[in-house]
Amino acid sequence: MQSLLKLSRGIDAFTKWTGKRLAWLILVAVVVSTVNAIIRKSFDTSSNSWLELQWLLFSMVFLLCSPWTLLDNEHIRIDIVSNMMPKWLRDWIDIVGHAFFLMPLCIVMIVTGGPFFMRSVELNEQSGNAGGLPQWPAKSLIIIGFTLLLVQGISELIKRIAVRRGLIPDPHAFQVHALEAEVEHLVEAIEKR
């Protein structure tokens, strides 16, 4: 199990490193959107490739940063219900969810996304919009994003099993979610009045 935990730490480090760098694409998308709007309003001209580039950048952040979201335990769940459950049950729900839902979904998306991407490359598929971008780079994001998510899912599964066995402390035990922190901040501000 120690070698699996070492693998998990390596996956986590790669995921965090990748996520922090790819998150900057949000700023790039904002700059592209701003420049495109200024050119469109000032010079009454535009290009579909600029619009499609915005979508591509958003897709890159959404798909390629999803493993970082999973690593930081910020993925979607019903926190109100989850927080009322005992810790052992939450751990088991995570184990079952990762093993029987997340990882199979990722495998299905990788397997079905491969031919989807390859067909686009073979056809040199272009946008249906005049002056648009090639479509295969966007379609490659499906395979890349779900592969990265699958690898991070394996890391999370390893850590959950290790936590259940008492081999490591829960990495999320003292984590305060952003929404919970905001609510606590508002409650404190109201109490001070």
N, C-alpha and C. Protein backbone atom coordinates (compact mmCIF):
# COMPACT_ATOMS: atom_id res chain seq x y z
N MET A 1 0.82 -1.21 0.00
CA MET A 1 0.00 0.00 0.00
C MET A 1 0.86 1.27 0.00
N GLN A 2 2.04 1.17 0.57
CA GLN A 2 2.92 2.35 0.62
C GLN A 2 3.35 2.78 -0.79
N SER A 3 3.59 1.81 -1.66
CA SER A 3 3.96 2.18 -3.03
C SER A 3 2.79 2.83 -3.76
N LEU A 4 1.56 2.38 -3.46
CA LEU A 4 0.38 3.02 -4.05
C LEU A 4 0.20 4.43 -3.52
N LEU A 5 0.49 4.64 -2.25
CA LEU A 5 0.40 5.99 -1.68
C LEU A 5 1.45 6.91 -2.29
N LYS A 6 2.63 6.36 -2.58
CA LYS A 6 3.67 7.15 -3.24
C LYS A 6 3.20 7.54 -4.65
N LEU A 7 2.60 6.59 -5.36
CA LEU A 7 2.02 6.87 -6.68
C LEU A 7 0.95 7.95 -6.57
N SER A 8 0.11 7.84 -5.56
CA SER A 8 -0.96 8.82 -5.34
C SER A 8 -0.39 10.22 -5.11
N ARG A 9 0.67 10.31 -4.31
CA ARG A 9 1.29 11.62 -4.07
C ARG A 9 1.85 12.21 -5.36
N GLY A 10 2.44 11.37 -6.21
CA GLY A 10 2.95 11.83 -7.51
C GLY A 10 1.82 12.32 -8.41
N ILE A 11 0.72 11.57 -8.45
CA ILE A 11 -0.44 11.98 -9.25
C ILE A 11 -0.98 13.31 -8.74
N ASP A 12 -1.10 13.43 -7.41
CA ASP A 12 -1.62 14.66 -6.81
C ASP A 12 -0.74 15.86 -7.15
N ALA A 13 0.58 15.66 -7.07
CA ALA A 13 1.51 16.76 -7.38
C ALA A 13 1.36 17.19 -8.85
N PHE A 14 1.26 16.22 -9.75
CA PHE A 14 1.09 16.53 -11.17
C PHE A 14 -0.25 17.24 -11.41
N THR A 15 -1.29 16.76 -10.78
CA THR A 15 -2.62 17.36 -10.94
C THR A 15 -2.63 18.80 -10.46
N LYS A 16 -2.05 19.04 -9.30
CA LYS A 16 -2.02 20.40 -8.76
C LYS A 16 -1.18 21.32 -9.66
N TRP A 17 -0.01 20.83 -10.08
CA TRP A 17 0.87 21.62 -10.95
C TRP A 17 0.16 21.97 -12.25
N THR A 18 -0.48 20.98 -12.86
CA THR A 18 -1.19 21.18 -14.13
C THR A 18 -2.36 22.13 -13.96
N GLY A 19 -3.17 21.90 -12.93
CA GLY A 19 -4.35 22.72 -12.70
C GLY A 19 -4.01 24.18 -12.48
N LYS A 20 -2.98 24.45 -11.69
CA LYS A 20 -2.60 25.84 -11.42
C LYS A 20 -2.15 26.56 -12.68
N ARG A 21 -1.51 25.85 -13.58
CA ARG A 21 -1.06 26.49 -14.81
C ARG A 21 -2.20 26.66 -15.81
N LEU A 22 -3.04 25.65 -15.92
CA LEU A 22 -4.15 25.72 -16.88
C LEU A 22 -5.22 26.72 -16.43
N ALA A 23 -5.33 26.98 -15.16
CA ALA A 23 -6.32 27.94 -14.67
C ALA A 23 -6.06 29.34 -15.24
N TRP A 24 -4.82 29.62 -15.61
CA TRP A 24 -4.50 30.92 -16.22
C TRP A 24 -5.18 31.11 -17.56
N LEU A 25 -5.64 30.02 -18.16
CA LEU A 25 -6.34 30.14 -19.44
C LEU A 25 -7.66 30.91 -19.29
N ILE A 26 -8.16 30.99 -18.07
CA ILE A 26 -9.35 31.82 -17.83
C ILE A 26 -9.03 33.27 -18.15
N LEU A 27 -7.88 33.73 -17.69
CA LEU A 27 -7.45 35.10 -17.98
C LEU A 27 -7.26 35.29 -19.49
N VAL A 28 -6.66 34.31 -20.15
CA VAL A 28 -6.47 34.39 -21.60
C VAL A 28 -7.83 34.50 -22.29
N ALA A 29 -8.80 33.69 -21.84
CA ALA A 29 -10.15 33.74 -22.44
C ALA A 29 -10.79 35.11 -22.24
N VAL A 30 -10.59 35.70 -21.06
CA VAL A 30 -11.14 37.03 -20.79
C VAL A 30 -10.49 38.07 -21.70
N VAL A 31 -9.17 37.98 -21.88
CA VAL A 31 -8.47 38.92 -22.75
C VAL A 31 -8.93 38.76 -24.20
N VAL A 32 -9.05 37.53 -24.66
CA VAL A 32 -9.52 37.29 -26.04
C VAL A 32 -10.93 37.84 -26.21
N SER A 33 -11.78 37.59 -25.23
CA SER A 33 -13.16 38.08 -25.29
C SER A 33 -13.19 39.61 -25.31
N THR A 34 -12.38 40.24 -24.48
CA THR A 34 -12.34 41.70 -24.40
C THR A 34 -11.83 42.31 -25.70
N VAL A 35 -10.72 41.78 -26.21
CA VAL A 35 -10.15 42.30 -27.45
C VAL A 35 -11.13 42.11 -28.59
N ASN A 36 -11.78 40.95 -28.63
CA ASN A 36 -12.75 40.69 -29.68
C ASN A 36 -13.92 41.68 -29.60
N ALA A 37 -14.39 41.95 -28.41
CA ALA A 37 -15.51 42.91 -28.24
C ALA A 37 -15.09 44.31 -28.64
N ILE A 38 -13.89 44.72 -28.26
CA ILE A 38 -13.41 46.06 -28.60
C ILE A 38 -13.27 46.21 -30.12
N ILE A 39 -12.68 45.21 -30.77
CA ILE A 39 -12.51 45.26 -32.23
C ILE A 39 -13.87 45.26 -32.92
N ARG A 40 -14.79 44.43 -32.40
CA ARG A 40 -16.11 44.35 -33.02
C ARG A 40 -16.85 45.68 -32.90
N LYS A 41 -16.78 46.33 -31.75
CA LYS A 41 -17.49 47.60 -31.54
C LYS A 41 -16.78 48.77 -32.22
N SER A 42 -15.45 48.77 -32.19
CA SER A 42 -14.69 49.89 -32.74
C SER A 42 -14.58 49.86 -34.26
N PHE A 43 -14.37 48.67 -34.81
CA PHE A 43 -14.10 48.56 -36.24
C PHE A 43 -15.21 47.83 -37.00
N ASP A 44 -16.27 47.47 -36.31
CA ASP A 44 -17.41 46.78 -36.91
C ASP A 44 -16.97 45.55 -37.71
N THR A 45 -16.04 44.80 -37.12
CA THR A 45 -15.57 43.57 -37.75
C THR A 45 -15.34 42.53 -36.66
N SER A 46 -15.44 41.28 -37.05
CA SER A 46 -15.23 40.20 -36.10
C SER A 46 -14.81 38.95 -36.85
N SER A 47 -14.44 37.94 -36.09
CA SER A 47 -14.03 36.67 -36.69
C SER A 47 -14.60 35.54 -35.85
N ASN A 48 -15.15 34.54 -36.52
CA ASN A 48 -15.66 33.38 -35.80
C ASN A 48 -14.55 32.63 -35.06
N SER A 49 -13.34 32.72 -35.58
CA SER A 49 -12.24 32.01 -34.91
C SER A 49 -11.98 32.58 -33.52
N TRP A 50 -12.17 33.89 -33.33
CA TRP A 50 -11.99 34.48 -32.00
C TRP A 50 -13.07 33.98 -31.05
N LEU A 51 -14.31 33.88 -31.52
CA LEU A 51 -15.39 33.36 -30.68
C LEU A 51 -15.14 31.90 -30.32
N GLU A 52 -14.74 31.12 -31.31
CA GLU A 52 -14.48 29.71 -31.07
C GLU A 52 -13.27 29.50 -30.16
N LEU A 53 -12.28 30.40 -30.26
CA LEU A 53 -11.13 30.32 -29.37
C LEU A 53 -11.56 30.51 -27.93
N GLN A 54 -12.49 31.41 -27.68
CA GLN A 54 -13.02 31.60 -26.31
C GLN A 54 -13.63 30.31 -25.80
N TRP A 55 -14.43 29.65 -26.63
CA TRP A 55 -15.07 28.39 -26.23
C TRP A 55 -14.03 27.31 -25.98
N LEU A 56 -13.02 27.27 -26.85
CA LEU A 56 -11.97 26.27 -26.70
C LEU A 56 -11.20 26.48 -25.40
N LEU A 57 -10.88 27.72 -25.08
CA LEU A 57 -10.17 28.02 -23.83
C LEU A 57 -11.01 27.64 -22.62
N PHE A 58 -12.30 27.95 -22.66
CA PHE A 58 -13.19 27.56 -21.56
C PHE A 58 -13.24 26.04 -21.43
N SER A 59 -13.34 25.35 -22.57
CA SER A 59 -13.38 23.89 -22.55
C SER A 59 -12.11 23.31 -21.97
N MET A 60 -10.99 23.91 -22.30
CA MET A 60 -9.71 23.44 -21.76
C MET A 60 -9.69 23.56 -20.25
N VAL A 61 -10.12 24.70 -19.74
CA VAL A 61 -10.14 24.89 -18.28
C VAL A 61 -11.12 23.92 -17.64
N PHE A 62 -12.31 23.82 -18.19
CA PHE A 62 -13.35 22.96 -17.60
C PHE A 62 -12.91 21.49 -17.58
N LEU A 63 -12.44 20.98 -18.71
CA LEU A 63 -12.09 19.57 -18.79
C LEU A 63 -10.74 19.24 -18.15
N LEU A 64 -9.76 20.08 -18.34
CA LEU A 64 -8.41 19.75 -17.88
C LEU A 64 -8.16 20.13 -16.42
N CYS A 65 -9.02 20.98 -15.86
CA CYS A 65 -8.88 21.33 -14.44
C CYS A 65 -9.83 20.53 -13.55
N SER A 66 -10.68 19.69 -14.15
CA SER A 66 -11.59 18.88 -13.33
C SER A 66 -10.84 17.93 -12.38
N PRO A 67 -9.68 17.37 -12.77
CA PRO A 67 -8.96 16.55 -11.79
C PRO A 67 -8.49 17.37 -10.58
N TRP A 68 -8.12 18.61 -10.80
CA TRP A 68 -7.69 19.49 -9.70
C TRP A 68 -8.87 19.75 -8.77
N THR A 69 -10.06 19.93 -9.34
CA THR A 69 -11.26 20.11 -8.53
C THR A 69 -11.52 18.88 -7.68
N LEU A 70 -11.35 17.69 -8.25
CA LEU A 70 -11.53 16.45 -7.49
C LEU A 70 -10.47 16.35 -6.40
N LEU A 71 -9.23 16.68 -6.72
CA LEU A 71 -8.14 16.63 -5.74
C LEU A 71 -8.44 17.53 -4.54
N ASP A 72 -8.93 18.74 -4.80
CA ASP A 72 -9.21 19.68 -3.72
C ASP A 72 -10.56 19.45 -3.05
N ASN A 73 -11.24 18.35 -3.43
CA ASN A 73 -12.52 17.98 -2.82
C ASN A 73 -13.57 19.07 -3.01
N GLU A 74 -13.53 19.72 -4.15
CA GLU A 74 -14.48 20.79 -4.46
C GLU A 74 -15.50 20.36 -5.51
N HIS A 75 -15.55 19.06 -5.79
CA HIS A 75 -16.52 18.57 -6.76
C HIS A 75 -17.93 18.64 -6.16
N ILE A 76 -18.90 18.50 -7.02
CA ILE A 76 -20.29 18.68 -6.60
C ILE A 76 -20.76 17.50 -5.77
N ARG A 77 -21.35 17.81 -4.66
CA ARG A 77 -22.03 16.83 -3.81
C ARG A 77 -23.03 17.61 -2.98
N ILE A 78 -23.92 16.93 -2.37
CA ILE A 78 -24.91 17.61 -1.54
C ILE A 78 -24.32 17.70 -0.13
N ASP A 79 -23.62 18.82 0.14
CA ASP A 79 -22.88 18.97 1.39
C ASP A 79 -23.77 18.91 2.62
N ILE A 80 -24.96 19.44 2.54
CA ILE A 80 -25.85 19.44 3.71
C ILE A 80 -26.14 18.01 4.12
N VAL A 81 -26.47 17.16 3.17
CA VAL A 81 -26.76 15.76 3.47
C VAL A 81 -25.47 15.04 3.85
N SER A 82 -24.42 15.28 3.09
CA SER A 82 -23.14 14.61 3.33
C SER A 82 -22.60 14.91 4.73
N ASN A 83 -22.71 16.15 5.17
CA ASN A 83 -22.18 16.53 6.48
C ASN A 83 -22.97 15.93 7.63
N MET A 84 -24.19 15.50 7.39
CA MET A 84 -24.98 14.87 8.45
C MET A 84 -24.66 13.39 8.61
N MET A 85 -23.95 12.82 7.64
CA MET A 85 -23.59 11.40 7.69
C MET A 85 -22.34 11.20 8.53
N PRO A 86 -22.21 10.02 9.14
CA PRO A 86 -20.95 9.73 9.85
C PRO A 86 -19.79 9.63 8.86
N LYS A 87 -18.60 9.92 9.35
CA LYS A 87 -17.42 9.95 8.49
C LYS A 87 -17.19 8.62 7.80
N TRP A 88 -17.37 7.51 8.48
CA TRP A 88 -17.13 6.20 7.86
C TRP A 88 -18.05 5.98 6.66
N LEU A 89 -19.29 6.47 6.75
CA LEU A 89 -20.23 6.32 5.65
C LEU A 89 -19.83 7.20 4.46
N ARG A 90 -19.40 8.43 4.77
CA ARG A 90 -18.93 9.32 3.69
C ARG A 90 -17.74 8.71 2.97
N ASP A 91 -16.82 8.10 3.73
CA ASP A 91 -15.65 7.44 3.12
C ASP A 91 -16.09 6.31 2.20
N TRP A 92 -17.04 5.51 2.65
CA TRP A 92 -17.52 4.40 1.83
C TRP A 92 -18.26 4.90 0.59
N ILE A 93 -19.02 5.97 0.74
CA ILE A 93 -19.70 6.55 -0.43
C ILE A 93 -18.67 7.03 -1.44
N ASP A 94 -17.59 7.65 -0.97
CA ASP A 94 -16.51 8.09 -1.88
C ASP A 94 -15.85 6.89 -2.57
N ILE A 95 -15.57 5.84 -1.82
CA ILE A 95 -14.94 4.65 -2.41
C ILE A 95 -15.85 4.04 -3.49
N VAL A 96 -17.11 3.82 -3.14
CA VAL A 96 -18.05 3.24 -4.10
C VAL A 96 -18.26 4.19 -5.29
N GLY A 97 -18.41 5.47 -5.00
CA GLY A 97 -18.62 6.45 -6.08
C GLY A 97 -17.46 6.51 -7.05
N HIS A 98 -16.24 6.51 -6.51
CA HIS A 98 -15.06 6.56 -7.38
C HIS A 98 -14.92 5.26 -8.17
N ALA A 99 -15.07 4.11 -7.49
CA ALA A 99 -14.81 2.82 -8.13
C ALA A 99 -15.90 2.42 -9.13
N PHE A 100 -17.15 2.72 -8.81
CA PHE A 100 -18.24 2.20 -9.64
C PHE A 100 -18.96 3.25 -10.49
N PHE A 101 -18.65 4.52 -10.29
CA PHE A 101 -19.30 5.55 -11.10
C PHE A 101 -18.30 6.43 -11.83
N LEU A 102 -17.40 7.08 -11.09
CA LEU A 102 -16.44 8.00 -11.72
C LEU A 102 -15.51 7.28 -12.70
N MET A 103 -14.84 6.24 -12.23
CA MET A 103 -13.86 5.57 -13.08
C MET A 103 -14.50 4.88 -14.29
N PRO A 104 -15.62 4.17 -14.15
CA PRO A 104 -16.25 3.62 -15.36
C PRO A 104 -16.71 4.70 -16.35
N LEU A 105 -17.24 5.82 -15.83
CA LEU A 105 -17.63 6.91 -16.72
C LEU A 105 -16.42 7.41 -17.50
N CYS A 106 -15.30 7.61 -16.82
CA CYS A 106 -14.09 8.08 -17.49
C CYS A 106 -13.65 7.10 -18.56
N ILE A 107 -13.70 5.81 -18.26
CA ILE A 107 -13.29 4.79 -19.23
C ILE A 107 -14.21 4.83 -20.45
N VAL A 108 -15.51 4.93 -20.22
CA VAL A 108 -16.46 5.00 -21.34
C VAL A 108 -16.17 6.23 -22.20
N MET A 109 -15.92 7.37 -21.57
CA MET A 109 -15.67 8.60 -22.32
C MET A 109 -14.36 8.51 -23.11
N ILE A 110 -13.35 7.87 -22.55
CA ILE A 110 -12.07 7.71 -23.26
C ILE A 110 -12.25 6.76 -24.45
N VAL A 111 -12.91 5.63 -24.21
CA VAL A 111 -13.09 4.63 -25.26
C VAL A 111 -13.97 5.17 -26.39
N THR A 112 -15.04 5.85 -26.06
CA THR A 112 -15.92 6.38 -27.11
C THR A 112 -15.38 7.68 -27.70
N GLY A 113 -14.60 8.41 -26.94
CA GLY A 113 -14.03 9.66 -27.44
C GLY A 113 -12.89 9.44 -28.42
N GLY A 114 -12.21 8.30 -28.33
CA GLY A 114 -11.09 8.01 -29.23
C GLY A 114 -11.51 8.00 -30.69
N PRO A 115 -12.48 7.18 -31.08
CA PRO A 115 -12.92 7.18 -32.48
C PRO A 115 -13.51 8.52 -32.92
N PHE A 116 -14.21 9.19 -32.01
CA PHE A 116 -14.79 10.51 -32.27
C PHE A 116 -13.68 11.49 -32.67
N PHE A 117 -12.59 11.47 -31.90
CA PHE A 117 -11.44 12.33 -32.17
C PHE A 117 -10.73 11.90 -33.46
N MET A 118 -10.48 10.60 -33.60
CA MET A 118 -9.73 10.11 -34.77
C MET A 118 -10.47 10.41 -36.07
N ARG A 119 -11.77 10.28 -36.07
CA ARG A 119 -12.55 10.59 -37.27
C ARG A 119 -12.41 12.07 -37.62
N SER A 120 -12.41 12.92 -36.60
CA SER A 120 -12.26 14.35 -36.82
C SER A 120 -10.89 14.67 -37.42
N VAL A 121 -9.85 13.99 -36.94
CA VAL A 121 -8.50 14.20 -37.47
C VAL A 121 -8.42 13.71 -38.92
N GLU A 122 -8.96 12.51 -39.18
CA GLU A 122 -8.92 11.94 -40.53
C GLU A 122 -9.61 12.84 -41.55
N LEU A 123 -10.72 13.45 -41.13
CA LEU A 123 -11.47 14.32 -42.03
C LEU A 123 -10.93 15.74 -42.07
N ASN A 124 -9.95 16.02 -41.18
CA ASN A 124 -9.48 17.38 -40.98
C ASN A 124 -10.69 18.30 -40.78
N GLU A 125 -11.55 17.87 -39.87
CA GLU A 125 -12.82 18.54 -39.63
C GLU A 125 -12.63 20.01 -39.25
N GLN A 126 -13.36 20.85 -39.93
CA GLN A 126 -13.30 22.28 -39.69
C GLN A 126 -14.63 22.75 -39.11
N SER A 127 -14.62 23.91 -38.55
CA SER A 127 -15.83 24.50 -38.00
C SER A 127 -16.87 24.69 -39.10
N GLY A 128 -18.13 24.60 -38.71
CA GLY A 128 -19.20 24.88 -39.64
C GLY A 128 -19.38 26.36 -39.88
N ASN A 129 -18.74 27.18 -39.08
CA ASN A 129 -18.82 28.64 -39.22
C ASN A 129 -17.69 29.13 -40.12
N ALA A 130 -17.98 30.10 -40.94
CA ALA A 130 -16.97 30.67 -41.83
C ALA A 130 -15.83 31.26 -41.00
N GLY A 131 -14.61 30.89 -41.34
CA GLY A 131 -13.45 31.43 -40.64
C GLY A 131 -13.23 30.81 -39.27
N GLY A 132 -13.91 29.69 -39.00
CA GLY A 132 -13.78 29.04 -37.69
C GLY A 132 -12.52 28.20 -37.58
N LEU A 133 -12.36 27.58 -36.42
CA LEU A 133 -11.17 26.79 -36.13
C LEU A 133 -11.36 25.32 -36.49
N PRO A 134 -10.27 24.58 -36.63
CA PRO A 134 -10.39 23.13 -36.78
C PRO A 134 -11.05 22.53 -35.53
N GLN A 135 -11.79 21.44 -35.71
CA GLN A 135 -12.54 20.86 -34.61
C GLN A 135 -11.77 19.79 -33.83
N TRP A 136 -10.78 19.15 -34.45
CA TRP A 136 -10.12 18.05 -33.77
C TRP A 136 -9.38 18.45 -32.49
N PRO A 137 -8.78 19.65 -32.37
CA PRO A 137 -8.15 19.98 -31.09
C PRO A 137 -9.17 20.01 -29.92
N ALA A 138 -10.35 20.53 -30.19
CA ALA A 138 -11.38 20.57 -29.14
C ALA A 138 -11.82 19.16 -28.78
N LYS A 139 -11.93 18.30 -29.77
CA LYS A 139 -12.37 16.93 -29.52
C LYS A 139 -11.31 16.12 -28.78
N SER A 140 -10.04 16.49 -28.96
CA SER A 140 -8.98 15.80 -28.22
C SER A 140 -9.07 16.07 -26.73
N LEU A 141 -9.67 17.19 -26.38
CA LEU A 141 -9.79 17.54 -24.95
C LEU A 141 -10.65 16.53 -24.19
N ILE A 142 -11.58 15.89 -24.88
CA ILE A 142 -12.43 14.88 -24.22
C ILE A 142 -11.55 13.73 -23.72
N ILE A 143 -10.70 13.24 -24.60
CA ILE A 143 -9.84 12.12 -24.23
C ILE A 143 -8.83 12.54 -23.15
N ILE A 144 -8.19 13.67 -23.36
CA ILE A 144 -7.18 14.14 -22.41
C ILE A 144 -7.81 14.42 -21.05
N GLY A 145 -8.92 15.16 -21.04
CA GLY A 145 -9.56 15.53 -19.78
C GLY A 145 -10.03 14.32 -18.99
N PHE A 146 -10.68 13.37 -19.66
CA PHE A 146 -11.18 12.20 -18.93
C PHE A 146 -10.06 11.25 -18.54
N THR A 147 -8.96 11.24 -19.28
CA THR A 147 -7.80 10.44 -18.86
C THR A 147 -7.21 11.01 -17.58
N LEU A 148 -7.04 12.33 -17.56
CA LEU A 148 -6.51 12.97 -16.35
C LEU A 148 -7.46 12.77 -15.16
N LEU A 149 -8.76 12.85 -15.41
CA LEU A 149 -9.75 12.65 -14.34
C LEU A 149 -9.71 11.20 -13.85
N LEU A 150 -9.55 10.25 -14.75
CA LEU A 150 -9.44 8.84 -14.36
C LEU A 150 -8.22 8.62 -13.47
N VAL A 151 -7.10 9.18 -13.87
CA VAL A 151 -5.87 9.02 -13.08
C VAL A 151 -6.04 9.65 -11.70
N GLN A 152 -6.66 10.84 -11.63
CA GLN A 152 -6.89 11.46 -10.32
C GLN A 152 -7.91 10.66 -9.52
N GLY A 153 -8.89 10.07 -10.18
CA GLY A 153 -9.85 9.21 -9.49
C GLY A 153 -9.17 8.02 -8.85
N ILE A 154 -8.19 7.45 -9.53
CA ILE A 154 -7.41 6.33 -8.97
C ILE A 154 -6.67 6.81 -7.73
N SER A 155 -6.08 7.99 -7.81
CA SER A 155 -5.37 8.55 -6.65
C SER A 155 -6.33 8.75 -5.47
N GLU A 156 -7.51 9.29 -5.75
CA GLU A 156 -8.48 9.51 -4.68
C GLU A 156 -8.95 8.20 -4.07
N LEU A 157 -9.12 7.18 -4.89
CA LEU A 157 -9.53 5.87 -4.40
C LEU A 157 -8.45 5.27 -3.49
N ILE A 158 -7.20 5.40 -3.90
CA ILE A 158 -6.07 4.92 -3.08
C ILE A 158 -6.09 5.62 -1.72
N LYS A 159 -6.25 6.95 -1.73
CA LYS A 159 -6.24 7.71 -0.47
C LYS A 159 -7.42 7.34 0.42
N ARG A 160 -8.62 7.18 -0.16
CA ARG A 160 -9.80 6.83 0.63
C ARG A 160 -9.62 5.48 1.30
N ILE A 161 -9.07 4.50 0.55
CA ILE A 161 -8.83 3.17 1.13
C ILE A 161 -7.79 3.27 2.24
N ALA A 162 -6.74 4.05 2.02
CA ALA A 162 -5.71 4.23 3.05
C ALA A 162 -6.28 4.92 4.28
N VAL A 163 -7.16 5.88 4.11
CA VAL A 163 -7.80 6.55 5.24
C VAL A 163 -8.65 5.54 6.01
N ARG A 164 -9.42 4.72 5.31
CA ARG A 164 -10.27 3.71 5.96
C ARG A 164 -9.43 2.72 6.75
N ARG A 165 -8.24 2.39 6.24
CA ARG A 165 -7.35 1.44 6.94
C ARG A 165 -6.54 2.10 8.04
N GLY A 166 -6.64 3.42 8.16
CA GLY A 166 -5.89 4.14 9.18
C GLY A 166 -4.42 4.34 8.84
N LEU A 167 -4.06 4.24 7.57
CA LEU A 167 -2.67 4.39 7.17
C LEU A 167 -2.26 5.84 7.01
N ILE A 168 -3.21 6.70 6.67
CA ILE A 168 -2.93 8.13 6.53
C ILE A 168 -4.08 8.91 7.15
N PRO A 169 -3.81 10.13 7.58
CA PRO A 169 -4.92 10.96 8.05
C PRO A 169 -5.75 11.43 6.86
N ASP A 170 -6.99 11.73 7.10
CA ASP A 170 -7.86 12.20 6.02
C ASP A 170 -7.36 13.55 5.52
N PRO A 171 -6.99 13.65 4.24
CA PRO A 171 -6.47 14.92 3.72
C PRO A 171 -7.51 16.04 3.70
N HIS A 172 -8.79 15.68 3.82
CA HIS A 172 -9.85 16.69 3.78
C HIS A 172 -10.54 16.87 5.13
N ALA A 173 -9.96 16.32 6.18
CA ALA A 173 -10.63 16.33 7.48
C ALA A 173 -10.90 17.74 8.00
N PHE A 174 -9.97 18.63 7.80
CA PHE A 174 -10.12 19.98 8.35
C PHE A 174 -10.37 21.01 7.26
N GLN A 175 -10.74 20.54 6.10
CA GLN A 175 -10.98 21.43 4.98
C GLN A 175 -12.30 22.15 5.16
N VAL A 176 -12.28 23.45 4.95
CA VAL A 176 -13.49 24.26 4.98
C VAL A 176 -13.77 24.68 3.54
N HIS A 177 -14.95 24.32 3.05
CA HIS A 177 -15.32 24.69 1.69
C HIS A 177 -15.55 26.19 1.61
N ALA A 178 -15.38 26.73 0.42
CA ALA A 178 -15.50 28.18 0.21
C ALA A 178 -16.87 28.69 0.65
N LEU A 179 -17.92 27.97 0.32
CA LEU A 179 -19.27 28.39 0.69
C LEU A 179 -19.45 28.38 2.21
N GLU A 180 -18.93 27.34 2.87
CA GLU A 180 -19.02 27.27 4.33
C GLU A 180 -18.25 28.43 4.98
N ALA A 181 -17.07 28.74 4.43
CA ALA A 181 -16.28 29.84 4.96
C ALA A 181 -17.03 31.16 4.80
N GLU A 182 -17.68 31.34 3.66
CA GLU A 182 -18.45 32.57 3.42
C GLU A 182 -19.63 32.68 4.39
N VAL A 183 -20.31 31.57 4.63
CA VAL A 183 -21.44 31.59 5.58
C VAL A 183 -20.94 31.92 6.98
N GLU A 184 -19.83 31.30 7.39
CA GLU A 184 -19.26 31.60 8.70
C GLU A 184 -18.88 33.08 8.81
N HIS A 185 -18.31 33.63 7.75
CA HIS A 185 -17.93 35.04 7.73
C HIS A 185 -19.16 35.94 7.89
N LEU A 186 -20.23 35.60 7.17
CA LEU A 186 -21.48 36.39 7.27
C LEU A 186 -22.10 36.28 8.66
N VAL A 187 -22.09 35.11 9.23
CA VAL A 187 -22.64 34.91 10.60
C VAL A 187 -21.85 35.75 11.59
N GLU A 188 -20.53 35.74 11.49
CA GLU A 188 -19.69 36.54 12.37
C GLU A 188 -19.99 38.02 12.20
N ALA A 189 -20.15 38.49 10.98
CA ALA A 189 -20.46 39.90 10.72
C ALA A 189 -21.81 40.28 11.31
N ILE A 190 -22.78 39.41 11.21
CA ILE A 190 -24.11 39.68 11.77
C ILE A 190 -24.05 39.71 13.29
N GLU A 191 -23.30 38.79 13.89
CA GLU A 191 -23.19 38.74 15.35
C GLU A 191 -22.48 39.97 15.92
N LYS A 192 -21.57 40.57 15.17
CA LYS A 192 -20.85 41.74 15.62
C LYS A 192 -21.72 42.98 15.67
N ARG A 193 -22.80 42.99 14.92
CA ARG A 193 -23.71 44.13 14.88
C ARG A 193 -24.41 44.22 16.16
